[in-house]
């Protein structure tokens, strides 16, 4: 297996996860603030980010980093809220 194959696979899996998250929220099967939605977005952005990093697509990499930061921030808030309860 080559690094190109691995990064392309990560990119496709990541894309699938982001699309799945969007479908689940759009069909109201999950809430936008839910842990499952945020995890799908986090791992999706990591997968897409690995691919765009390999492709040297810096604007897309920045977008994926921001997307991942939003997911981590939201997940952190949820975890802290459970701890404080």
N, C-alpha and C. Protein backbone atom coordinates (compact mmCIF):
# COMPACT_ATOMS: atom_id res chain seq x y z
N UNK A 1 0.83 -1.19 0.00
CA UNK A 1 0.00 0.00 0.00
C UNK A 1 0.88 1.25 0.00
N UNK A 2 0.50 2.18 -0.83
CA UNK A 2 1.26 3.43 -0.90
C UNK A 2 0.60 4.49 -0.03
N UNK A 3 1.37 5.53 0.27
CA UNK A 3 0.82 6.64 1.06
C UNK A 3 -0.31 7.32 0.29
N UNK A 4 -0.20 7.37 -1.02
CA UNK A 4 -1.26 7.98 -1.83
C UNK A 4 -2.57 7.19 -1.66
N UNK A 5 -2.49 5.88 -1.72
CA UNK A 5 -3.68 5.05 -1.53
C UNK A 5 -4.28 5.26 -0.15
N UNK A 6 -3.44 5.30 0.88
CA UNK A 6 -3.92 5.48 2.25
C UNK A 6 -4.59 6.84 2.44
N UNK A 7 -3.98 7.90 1.90
CA UNK A 7 -4.57 9.23 2.07
C UNK A 7 -5.85 9.38 1.25
N UNK A 8 -5.90 8.76 0.07
CA UNK A 8 -7.14 8.80 -0.71
C UNK A 8 -8.25 8.04 -0.01
N UNK A 9 -7.92 6.91 0.57
CA UNK A 9 -8.90 6.13 1.32
C UNK A 9 -9.40 6.91 2.53
N UNK A 10 -8.47 7.53 3.25
CA UNK A 10 -8.85 8.37 4.41
C UNK A 10 -9.76 9.50 3.96
N UNK A 11 -9.44 10.11 2.83
CA UNK A 11 -10.25 11.20 2.30
C UNK A 11 -11.66 10.76 1.95
N UNK A 12 -11.79 9.61 1.31
CA UNK A 12 -13.12 9.10 0.96
C UNK A 12 -13.92 8.71 2.19
N UNK A 13 -13.28 8.07 3.14
CA UNK A 13 -13.97 7.72 4.39
C UNK A 13 -14.39 8.98 5.12
N UNK A 14 -13.49 9.95 5.20
CA UNK A 14 -13.81 11.22 5.84
C UNK A 14 -14.97 11.93 5.17
N UNK A 15 -14.97 11.94 3.86
CA UNK A 15 -16.07 12.55 3.11
C UNK A 15 -17.38 11.85 3.43
N UNK A 16 -17.34 10.53 3.47
CA UNK A 16 -18.55 9.76 3.81
C UNK A 16 -19.07 10.09 5.20
N UNK A 17 -18.16 10.25 6.15
CA UNK A 17 -18.57 10.57 7.52
C UNK A 17 -19.20 11.96 7.61
N UNK A 18 -18.62 12.93 6.92
CA UNK A 18 -19.18 14.29 6.94
C UNK A 18 -20.56 14.31 6.28
N UNK A 19 -20.69 13.61 5.16
CA UNK A 19 -21.99 13.54 4.49
C UNK A 19 -23.01 12.81 5.36
N UNK A 20 -22.60 11.73 6.00
CA UNK A 20 -23.50 11.00 6.90
C UNK A 20 -23.96 11.91 8.03
N UNK A 21 -23.05 12.68 8.61
CA UNK A 21 -23.43 13.61 9.68
C UNK A 21 -24.47 14.60 9.19
N UNK A 22 -24.25 15.14 8.00
CA UNK A 22 -25.19 16.11 7.43
C UNK A 22 -26.56 15.48 7.19
N UNK A 23 -26.58 14.27 6.66
CA UNK A 23 -27.85 13.58 6.41
C UNK A 23 -28.59 13.33 7.73
N UNK A 24 -27.88 12.88 8.74
CA UNK A 24 -28.51 12.59 10.03
C UNK A 24 -29.10 13.84 10.67
N UNK A 25 -28.41 14.97 10.56
CA UNK A 25 -28.95 16.22 11.11
C UNK A 25 -30.11 16.71 10.26
N UNK A 26 -29.96 16.63 8.95
CA UNK A 26 -31.01 17.12 8.05
C UNK A 26 -32.31 16.34 8.18
N UNK A 27 -32.20 15.06 8.50
CA UNK A 27 -33.39 14.23 8.67
C UNK A 27 -33.84 14.16 10.12
N UNK A 28 -33.20 14.97 10.96
CA UNK A 28 -33.52 15.09 12.38
C UNK A 28 -33.39 13.78 13.15
N UNK A 29 -32.45 12.95 12.71
CA UNK A 29 -32.16 11.71 13.45
C UNK A 29 -31.19 11.97 14.59
N UNK A 30 -30.39 13.02 14.45
CA UNK A 30 -29.51 13.46 15.54
C UNK A 30 -29.56 14.98 15.62
N UNK A 31 -29.20 15.50 16.77
CA UNK A 31 -29.13 16.94 16.96
C UNK A 31 -27.73 17.43 16.58
N UNK A 32 -27.65 18.66 16.12
CA UNK A 32 -26.36 19.24 15.73
C UNK A 32 -25.38 19.33 16.87
N UNK A 33 -25.88 19.38 18.08
CA UNK A 33 -24.99 19.46 19.25
C UNK A 33 -24.68 18.08 19.84
N UNK A 34 -25.19 17.02 19.24
CA UNK A 34 -25.01 15.68 19.81
C UNK A 34 -23.57 15.19 19.66
N UNK A 35 -23.19 14.30 20.55
CA UNK A 35 -21.85 13.72 20.52
C UNK A 35 -21.61 12.96 19.22
N UNK A 36 -22.61 12.19 18.79
CA UNK A 36 -22.43 11.40 17.56
C UNK A 36 -22.19 12.30 16.35
N UNK A 37 -22.93 13.39 16.25
CA UNK A 37 -22.75 14.32 15.13
C UNK A 37 -21.35 14.93 15.17
N UNK A 38 -20.93 15.37 16.34
CA UNK A 38 -19.62 16.00 16.47
C UNK A 38 -18.49 15.02 16.20
N UNK A 39 -18.65 13.77 16.64
CA UNK A 39 -17.62 12.77 16.37
C UNK A 39 -17.53 12.44 14.88
N UNK A 40 -18.68 12.34 14.21
CA UNK A 40 -18.67 12.12 12.76
C UNK A 40 -17.94 13.25 12.06
N UNK A 41 -18.23 14.49 12.45
CA UNK A 41 -17.55 15.63 11.85
C UNK A 41 -16.06 15.65 12.18
N UNK A 42 -15.71 15.33 13.41
CA UNK A 42 -14.30 15.33 13.80
C UNK A 42 -13.50 14.32 12.99
N UNK A 43 -13.96 13.07 12.98
CA UNK A 43 -13.22 12.03 12.26
C UNK A 43 -13.31 12.22 10.75
N UNK A 44 -14.43 12.76 10.28
CA UNK A 44 -14.54 13.09 8.87
C UNK A 44 -13.53 14.15 8.46
N UNK A 45 -13.40 15.19 9.27
CA UNK A 45 -12.46 16.26 8.93
C UNK A 45 -11.02 15.78 9.02
N UNK A 46 -10.74 14.86 9.93
CA UNK A 46 -9.39 14.30 10.01
C UNK A 46 -9.08 13.50 8.75
N UNK A 47 -10.03 12.69 8.30
CA UNK A 47 -9.81 11.90 7.08
C UNK A 47 -9.63 12.77 5.85
N UNK A 48 -10.52 13.74 5.68
CA UNK A 48 -10.39 14.66 4.53
C UNK A 48 -9.11 15.47 4.68
N UNK A 49 -8.81 15.90 5.91
CA UNK A 49 -7.60 16.68 6.15
C UNK A 49 -6.34 15.93 5.77
N UNK A 50 -6.29 14.64 6.06
CA UNK A 50 -5.12 13.83 5.68
C UNK A 50 -4.94 13.84 4.17
N UNK A 51 -6.04 13.73 3.45
CA UNK A 51 -5.97 13.73 1.99
C UNK A 51 -5.53 15.07 1.44
N UNK A 52 -6.12 16.15 1.94
CA UNK A 52 -5.77 17.46 1.38
C UNK A 52 -4.36 17.89 1.80
N UNK A 53 -3.89 17.42 2.95
CA UNK A 53 -2.51 17.67 3.35
C UNK A 53 -1.57 17.01 2.35
N UNK A 54 -1.85 15.76 2.02
CA UNK A 54 -1.02 15.03 1.05
C UNK A 54 -1.05 15.72 -0.31
N UNK A 55 -2.20 16.27 -0.68
CA UNK A 55 -2.35 16.95 -1.97
C UNK A 55 -1.82 18.38 -1.94
N UNK A 56 -1.40 18.85 -0.78
CA UNK A 56 -0.91 20.23 -0.58
C UNK A 56 -1.98 21.27 -0.92
N UNK A 57 -3.22 20.95 -0.60
CA UNK A 57 -4.34 21.87 -0.81
C UNK A 57 -4.56 22.64 0.50
N UNK A 58 -3.75 23.65 0.70
CA UNK A 58 -3.72 24.36 1.98
C UNK A 58 -5.06 25.00 2.35
N UNK A 59 -5.78 25.68 1.43
CA UNK A 59 -7.08 26.24 1.83
C UNK A 59 -8.04 25.17 2.35
N UNK A 60 -8.06 24.03 1.71
CA UNK A 60 -8.93 22.94 2.16
C UNK A 60 -8.45 22.37 3.49
N UNK A 61 -7.15 22.33 3.69
CA UNK A 61 -6.59 21.86 4.95
C UNK A 61 -7.00 22.79 6.09
N UNK A 62 -6.95 24.10 5.85
CA UNK A 62 -7.36 25.07 6.87
C UNK A 62 -8.84 24.87 7.20
N UNK A 63 -9.67 24.68 6.19
CA UNK A 63 -11.09 24.43 6.42
C UNK A 63 -11.29 23.20 7.29
N UNK A 64 -10.59 22.12 7.00
CA UNK A 64 -10.75 20.89 7.78
C UNK A 64 -10.25 21.08 9.21
N UNK A 65 -9.19 21.86 9.38
CA UNK A 65 -8.68 22.13 10.74
C UNK A 65 -9.71 22.92 11.54
N UNK A 66 -10.33 23.91 10.91
CA UNK A 66 -11.37 24.68 11.58
C UNK A 66 -12.55 23.78 11.92
N UNK A 67 -12.95 22.94 11.00
CA UNK A 67 -14.06 22.01 11.20
C UNK A 67 -13.77 21.09 12.40
N UNK A 68 -12.54 20.59 12.47
CA UNK A 68 -12.15 19.71 13.57
C UNK A 68 -12.14 20.48 14.90
N UNK A 69 -11.66 21.71 14.88
CA UNK A 69 -11.62 22.53 16.11
C UNK A 69 -13.03 22.79 16.64
N UNK A 70 -13.96 23.06 15.75
CA UNK A 70 -15.35 23.27 16.16
C UNK A 70 -15.89 22.01 16.83
N UNK A 71 -15.62 20.85 16.23
CA UNK A 71 -16.08 19.59 16.80
C UNK A 71 -15.45 19.33 18.17
N UNK A 72 -14.15 19.56 18.29
CA UNK A 72 -13.46 19.35 19.57
C UNK A 72 -14.01 20.31 20.62
N UNK A 73 -14.22 21.57 20.26
CA UNK A 73 -14.77 22.55 21.19
C UNK A 73 -16.14 22.11 21.69
N UNK A 74 -17.02 21.70 20.78
CA UNK A 74 -18.37 21.28 21.15
C UNK A 74 -18.33 20.02 22.00
N UNK A 75 -17.49 19.06 21.64
CA UNK A 75 -17.36 17.85 22.44
C UNK A 75 -16.82 18.16 23.84
N UNK A 76 -15.87 19.07 23.92
CA UNK A 76 -15.31 19.46 25.22
C UNK A 76 -16.37 20.08 26.11
N UNK A 77 -17.20 20.95 25.53
CA UNK A 77 -18.28 21.55 26.31
C UNK A 77 -19.23 20.49 26.84
N UNK A 78 -19.56 19.50 26.01
CA UNK A 78 -20.47 18.43 26.43
C UNK A 78 -19.86 17.60 27.54
N UNK A 79 -18.58 17.29 27.43
CA UNK A 79 -17.90 16.50 28.45
C UNK A 79 -17.84 17.27 29.76
N UNK A 80 -17.47 18.54 29.69
CA UNK A 80 -17.42 19.37 30.90
C UNK A 80 -18.78 19.50 31.56
N UNK A 81 -19.82 19.63 30.76
CA UNK A 81 -21.17 19.74 31.31
C UNK A 81 -21.54 18.47 32.07
N UNK A 82 -21.13 17.31 31.57
CA UNK A 82 -21.43 16.05 32.27
C UNK A 82 -20.62 15.93 33.55
N UNK A 83 -19.40 16.42 33.54
CA UNK A 83 -18.54 16.34 34.72
C UNK A 83 -19.09 17.26 35.82
N UNK A 84 -19.51 18.44 35.44
CA UNK A 84 -19.99 19.44 36.41
C UNK A 84 -21.31 19.02 37.06
N UNK A 85 -22.12 18.28 36.37
CA UNK A 85 -23.43 17.85 36.90
C UNK A 85 -23.29 17.12 38.16
